[in-house]
Amino acid sequence: MKRRINAIWKGDGSDGIGFLNVQSGAFKDMPYSFKTRFENDNGTLGTNPEELIASALAGCFNMKLSFDLNEANFNPENLNTDAILSFEDGKILSIELKLKGKVPNISEDKFYELANNAKDNCPISGVLNCDISLNITLL
């Protein structure tokens, strides 16, 4: 499987603007810039690479955990994960995953075991060079 993304940048680093397009069409001409990366905390002006990395990790983690739960004969009703990325001095330092899961008939120990396995073994976590922590709540 191969996936294509197109990134366009116009202008210099601090005043330029970029646009991201993905093969699936899920977003087209998504703006990103210095301002969307460093000056727009509410995210209304567009995205940034760190936001995309955090969302990729959260989505991949949820999918991996769902498969792991299915293989262990559990059927999750809901896996809700927030990813909080810490970026300082030009480097991603860590990503904290905050998982709230509703999985019928699973023990807390088994859920923790499977969630930690998913965190350590989803395809996205394998390529990240930062600390990934997991905070788990079983509902």
C-alpha atoms as a PDB file:
ATOM      1  CA  MET A   1       0.000   0.000   0.000  1.00  0.00           C
ATOM      2  CA  LYS A   2       1.211   3.483  -0.816  1.00  0.00           C
ATOM      3  CA  ARG A   3      -0.436   6.778   0.079  1.00  0.00           C
ATOM      4  CA  ARG A   4       0.244  10.120  -1.547  1.00  0.00           C
ATOM      5  CA  ILE A   5       0.107  13.554   0.007  1.00  0.00           C
ATOM      6  CA  ASN A   6       0.977  16.786  -1.772  1.00  0.00           C
ATOM      7  CA  ALA A   7       2.452  19.698   0.163  1.00  0.00           C
ATOM      8  CA  ILE A   8       2.803  23.106  -1.482  1.00  0.00           C
ATOM      9  CA  TRP A   9       4.663  26.020   0.124  1.00  0.00           C
ATOM     10  CA  LYS A  10       4.689  29.603  -1.159  1.00  0.00           C
ATOM     11  CA  GLY A  11       6.903  32.295   0.330  1.00  0.00           C
ATOM     12  CA  ASP A  12       9.441  32.429   3.126  1.00  0.00           C
ATOM     13  CA  GLY A  13       9.322  30.580   6.438  1.00  0.00           C
ATOM     14  CA  SER A  14       7.598  33.106   8.663  1.00  0.00           C
ATOM     15  CA  ASP A  15       5.278  34.808   6.173  1.00  0.00           C
ATOM     16  CA  GLY A  16       4.669  32.027   3.666  1.00  0.00           C
ATOM     17  CA  ILE A  17       1.684  29.739   3.446  1.00  0.00           C
ATOM     18  CA  GLY A  18       1.301  26.130   2.508  1.00  0.00           C
ATOM     19  CA  PHE A  19      -1.473  23.820   1.402  1.00  0.00           C
ATOM     20  CA  LEU A  20      -1.844  20.091   1.992  1.00  0.00           C
ATOM     21  CA  ASN A  21      -3.814  17.709  -0.206  1.00  0.00           C
ATOM     22  CA  VAL A  22      -4.344  14.019   0.503  1.00  0.00           C
ATOM     23  CA  GLN A  23      -5.010  11.217  -1.934  1.00  0.00           C
ATOM     24  CA  SER A  24      -8.291  10.264  -0.269  1.00  0.00           C
ATOM     25  CA  GLY A  25      -9.694  13.762  -0.651  1.00  0.00           C
ATOM     26  CA  ALA A  26     -10.399  13.926   3.091  1.00  0.00           C
ATOM     27  CA  PHE A  27      -8.857  17.357   2.938  1.00  0.00           C
ATOM     28  CA  LYS A  28      -7.974  19.519  -0.033  1.00  0.00           C
ATOM     29  CA  ASP A  29      -5.970  22.727   0.098  1.00  0.00           C
ATOM     30  CA  MET A  30      -5.743  22.510   3.906  1.00  0.00           C
ATOM     31  CA  PRO A  31      -3.768  25.624   4.889  1.00  0.00           C
ATOM     32  CA  TYR A  32      -0.692  25.504   7.080  1.00  0.00           C
ATOM     33  CA  SER A  33       1.810  28.213   7.937  1.00  0.00           C
ATOM     34  CA  PHE A  34       4.043  29.624  10.651  1.00  0.00           C
ATOM     35  CA  LYS A  35       0.959  31.203  12.196  1.00  0.00           C
ATOM     36  CA  THR A  36      -1.074  27.978  12.169  1.00  0.00           C
ATOM     37  CA  ARG A  37       1.907  26.169  13.672  1.00  0.00           C
ATOM     38  CA  PHE A  38       3.025  28.596  16.366  1.00  0.00           C
ATOM     39  CA  GLU A  39       0.525  31.431  16.837  1.00  0.00           C
ATOM     40  CA  ASN A  40      -2.961  29.945  16.445  1.00  0.00           C
ATOM     41  CA  ASP A  41      -3.697  27.931  19.576  1.00  0.00           C
ATOM     42  CA  ASN A  42      -7.391  27.452  18.765  1.00  0.00           C
ATOM     43  CA  GLY A  43      -6.575  25.914  15.366  1.00  0.00           C
ATOM     44  CA  THR A  44      -9.077  27.905  13.335  1.00  0.00           C
ATOM     45  CA  LEU A  45      -6.579  29.085  10.692  1.00  0.00           C
ATOM     46  CA  GLY A  46      -5.452  25.643   9.520  1.00  0.00           C
ATOM     47  CA  THR A  47      -3.362  22.686  10.574  1.00  0.00           C
ATOM     48  CA  ASN A  48       0.297  22.016  11.306  1.00  0.00           C
ATOM     49  CA  PRO A  49       2.609  19.006  11.059  1.00  0.00           C
ATOM     50  CA  GLU A  50       2.461  18.298  14.797  1.00  0.00           C
ATOM     51  CA  GLU A  51      -1.340  18.189  14.788  1.00  0.00           C
ATOM     52  CA  LEU A  52      -1.265  15.760  11.879  1.00  0.00           C
ATOM     53  CA  ILE A  53       1.262  13.512  13.646  1.00  0.00           C
ATOM     54  CA  ALA A  54      -0.799  13.458  16.856  1.00  0.00           C
ATOM     55  CA  SER A  55      -3.976  12.665  14.930  1.00  0.00           C
ATOM     56  CA  ALA A  56      -2.232   9.912  12.969  1.00  0.00           C
ATOM     57  CA  LEU A  57      -1.021   8.322  16.202  1.00  0.00           C
ATOM     58  CA  ALA A  58      -4.416   8.516  17.944  1.00  0.00           C
ATOM     59  CA  GLY A  59      -6.233   7.080  14.941  1.00  0.00           C
ATOM     60  CA  CYS A  60      -3.701   4.296  14.386  1.00  0.00           C
ATOM     61  CA  PHE A  61      -3.677   3.432  18.103  1.00  0.00           C
ATOM     62  CA  ASN A  62      -7.483   3.155  18.234  1.00  0.00           C
ATOM     63  CA  MET A  63      -7.553   0.923  15.169  1.00  0.00           C
ATOM     64  CA  LYS A  64      -4.748  -1.333  16.464  1.00  0.00           C
ATOM     65  CA  LEU A  65      -6.429  -1.625  19.864  1.00  0.00           C
ATOM     66  CA  SER A  66      -9.735  -2.498  18.218  1.00  0.00           C
ATOM     67  CA  PHE A  67      -8.090  -5.329  16.260  1.00  0.00           C
ATOM     68  CA  ASP A  68      -6.252  -6.552  19.382  1.00  0.00           C
ATOM     69  CA  LEU A  69      -9.513  -6.550  21.347  1.00  0.00           C
ATOM     70  CA  ASN A  70     -11.271  -8.491  18.577  1.00  0.00           C
ATOM     71  CA  GLU A  71      -8.475 -11.080  18.490  1.00  0.00           C
ATOM     72  CA  ALA A  72      -8.947 -11.530  22.254  1.00  0.00           C
ATOM     73  CA  ASN A  73     -12.724 -12.004  21.705  1.00  0.00           C
ATOM     74  CA  PHE A  74     -13.801  -8.581  22.957  1.00  0.00           C
ATOM     75  CA  ASN A  75     -15.954  -6.136  21.016  1.00  0.00           C
ATOM     76  CA  PRO A  76     -15.286  -2.504  21.873  1.00  0.00           C
ATOM     77  CA  GLU A  77     -18.288  -0.187  21.891  1.00  0.00           C
ATOM     78  CA  ASN A  78     -16.216   2.983  21.975  1.00  0.00           C
ATOM     79  CA  LEU A  79     -12.525   3.886  22.007  1.00  0.00           C
ATOM     80  CA  ASN A  80     -12.020   7.622  22.501  1.00  0.00           C
ATOM     81  CA  THR A  81      -8.408   8.815  22.489  1.00  0.00           C
ATOM     82  CA  ASP A  82      -6.997  12.306  22.889  1.00  0.00           C
ATOM     83  CA  ALA A  83      -3.375  12.826  21.836  1.00  0.00           C
ATOM     84  CA  ILE A  84      -1.490  15.676  23.493  1.00  0.00           C
ATOM     85  CA  LEU A  85       1.760  16.434  21.681  1.00  0.00           C
ATOM     86  CA  SER A  86       4.536  18.415  23.398  1.00  0.00           C
ATOM     87  CA  PHE A  87       6.717  20.418  20.992  1.00  0.00           C
ATOM     88  CA  GLU A  88       9.599  22.542  22.285  1.00  0.00           C
ATOM     89  CA  ASP A  89      12.696  24.061  20.715  1.00  0.00           C
ATOM     90  CA  GLY A  90      11.922  22.563  17.322  1.00  0.00           C
ATOM     91  CA  LYS A  91      11.490  18.998  18.555  1.00  0.00           C
ATOM     92  CA  ILE A  92       8.572  16.735  19.415  1.00  0.00           C
ATOM     93  CA  LEU A  93       9.335  15.634  22.958  1.00  0.00           C
ATOM     94  CA  SER A  94       6.363  13.461  23.807  1.00  0.00           C
ATOM     95  CA  ILE A  95       2.819  12.467  23.007  1.00  0.00           C
ATOM     96  CA  GLU A  96       0.390  11.554  25.750  1.00  0.00           C
ATOM     97  CA  LEU A  97      -2.505   9.346  24.720  1.00  0.00           C
ATOM     98  CA  LYS A  98      -5.588   9.632  26.920  1.00  0.00           C
ATOM     99  CA  LEU A  99      -7.835   6.654  26.237  1.00  0.00           C
ATOM    100  CA  LYS A 100     -11.397   6.233  27.431  1.00  0.00           C
ATOM    101  CA  GLY A 101     -12.740   2.868  26.403  1.00  0.00           C
ATOM    102  CA  LYS A 102     -16.046   1.114  26.731  1.00  0.00           C
ATOM    103  CA  VAL A 103     -15.534  -2.610  26.245  1.00  0.00           C
ATOM    104  CA  PRO A 104     -18.113  -5.033  27.644  1.00  0.00           C
ATOM    105  CA  ASN A 105     -16.961  -8.000  29.718  1.00  0.00           C
ATOM    106  CA  ILE A 106     -13.260  -7.105  29.881  1.00  0.00           C
ATOM    107  CA  SER A 107     -11.229  -6.878  33.071  1.00  0.00           C
ATOM    108  CA  GLU A 108      -9.284  -3.725  33.767  1.00  0.00           C
ATOM    109  CA  ASP A 109      -6.002  -5.688  33.722  1.00  0.00           C
ATOM    110  CA  LYS A 110      -6.718  -7.199  30.300  1.00  0.00           C
ATOM    111  CA  PHE A 111      -7.768  -3.833  28.886  1.00  0.00           C
ATOM    112  CA  TYR A 112      -4.559  -2.224  30.175  1.00  0.00           C
ATOM    113  CA  GLU A 113      -2.485  -5.063  28.710  1.00  0.00           C
ATOM    114  CA  LEU A 114      -4.075  -4.791  25.279  1.00  0.00           C
ATOM    115  CA  ALA A 115      -4.001  -0.972  25.261  1.00  0.00           C
ATOM    116  CA  ASN A 116      -0.308  -0.878  26.133  1.00  0.00           C
ATOM    117  CA  ASN A 117       0.433  -3.446  23.437  1.00  0.00           C
ATOM    118  CA  ALA A 118      -1.435  -1.309  20.896  1.00  0.00           C
ATOM    119  CA  LYS A 119       0.495   1.796  21.990  1.00  0.00           C
ATOM    120  CA  ASP A 120       3.814   0.025  21.566  1.00  0.00           C
ATOM    121  CA  ASN A 121       2.991  -1.770  18.323  1.00  0.00           C
ATOM    122  CA  CYS A 122       0.772   0.380  16.127  1.00  0.00           C
ATOM    123  CA  PRO A 123       2.533   1.309  12.860  1.00  0.00           C
ATOM    124  CA  ILE A 124       2.681   5.027  13.653  1.00  0.00           C
ATOM    125  CA  SER A 125       4.220   4.662  17.128  1.00  0.00           C
ATOM    126  CA  GLY A 126       6.955   2.568  15.546  1.00  0.00           C
ATOM    127  CA  VAL A 127       8.226   5.491  13.462  1.00  0.00           C
ATOM    128  CA  LEU A 128       8.048   8.201  16.118  1.00  0.00           C
ATOM    129  CA  ASN A 129      11.196   9.205  17.966  1.00  0.00           C
ATOM    130  CA  CYS A 130       9.583  10.529  21.130  1.00  0.00           C
ATOM    131  CA  ASP A 131       8.184   9.310  24.421  1.00  0.00           C
ATOM    132  CA  ILE A 132       4.626   8.010  24.084  1.00  0.00           C
ATOM    133  CA  SER A 133       2.674   7.636  27.310  1.00  0.00           C
ATOM    134  CA  LEU A 134      -0.775   6.201  27.870  1.00  0.00           C
ATOM    135  CA  ASN A 135      -3.438   7.199  30.379  1.00  0.00           C
ATOM    136  CA  ILE A 136      -6.248   4.631  30.426  1.00  0.00           C
ATOM    137  CA  THR A 137      -9.823   4.837  31.661  1.00  0.00           C
ATOM    138  CA  LEU A 138     -12.148   1.848  31.280  1.00  0.00           C
ATOM    139  CA  LEU A 139     -15.761   2.982  31.349  1.00  0.00           C
END
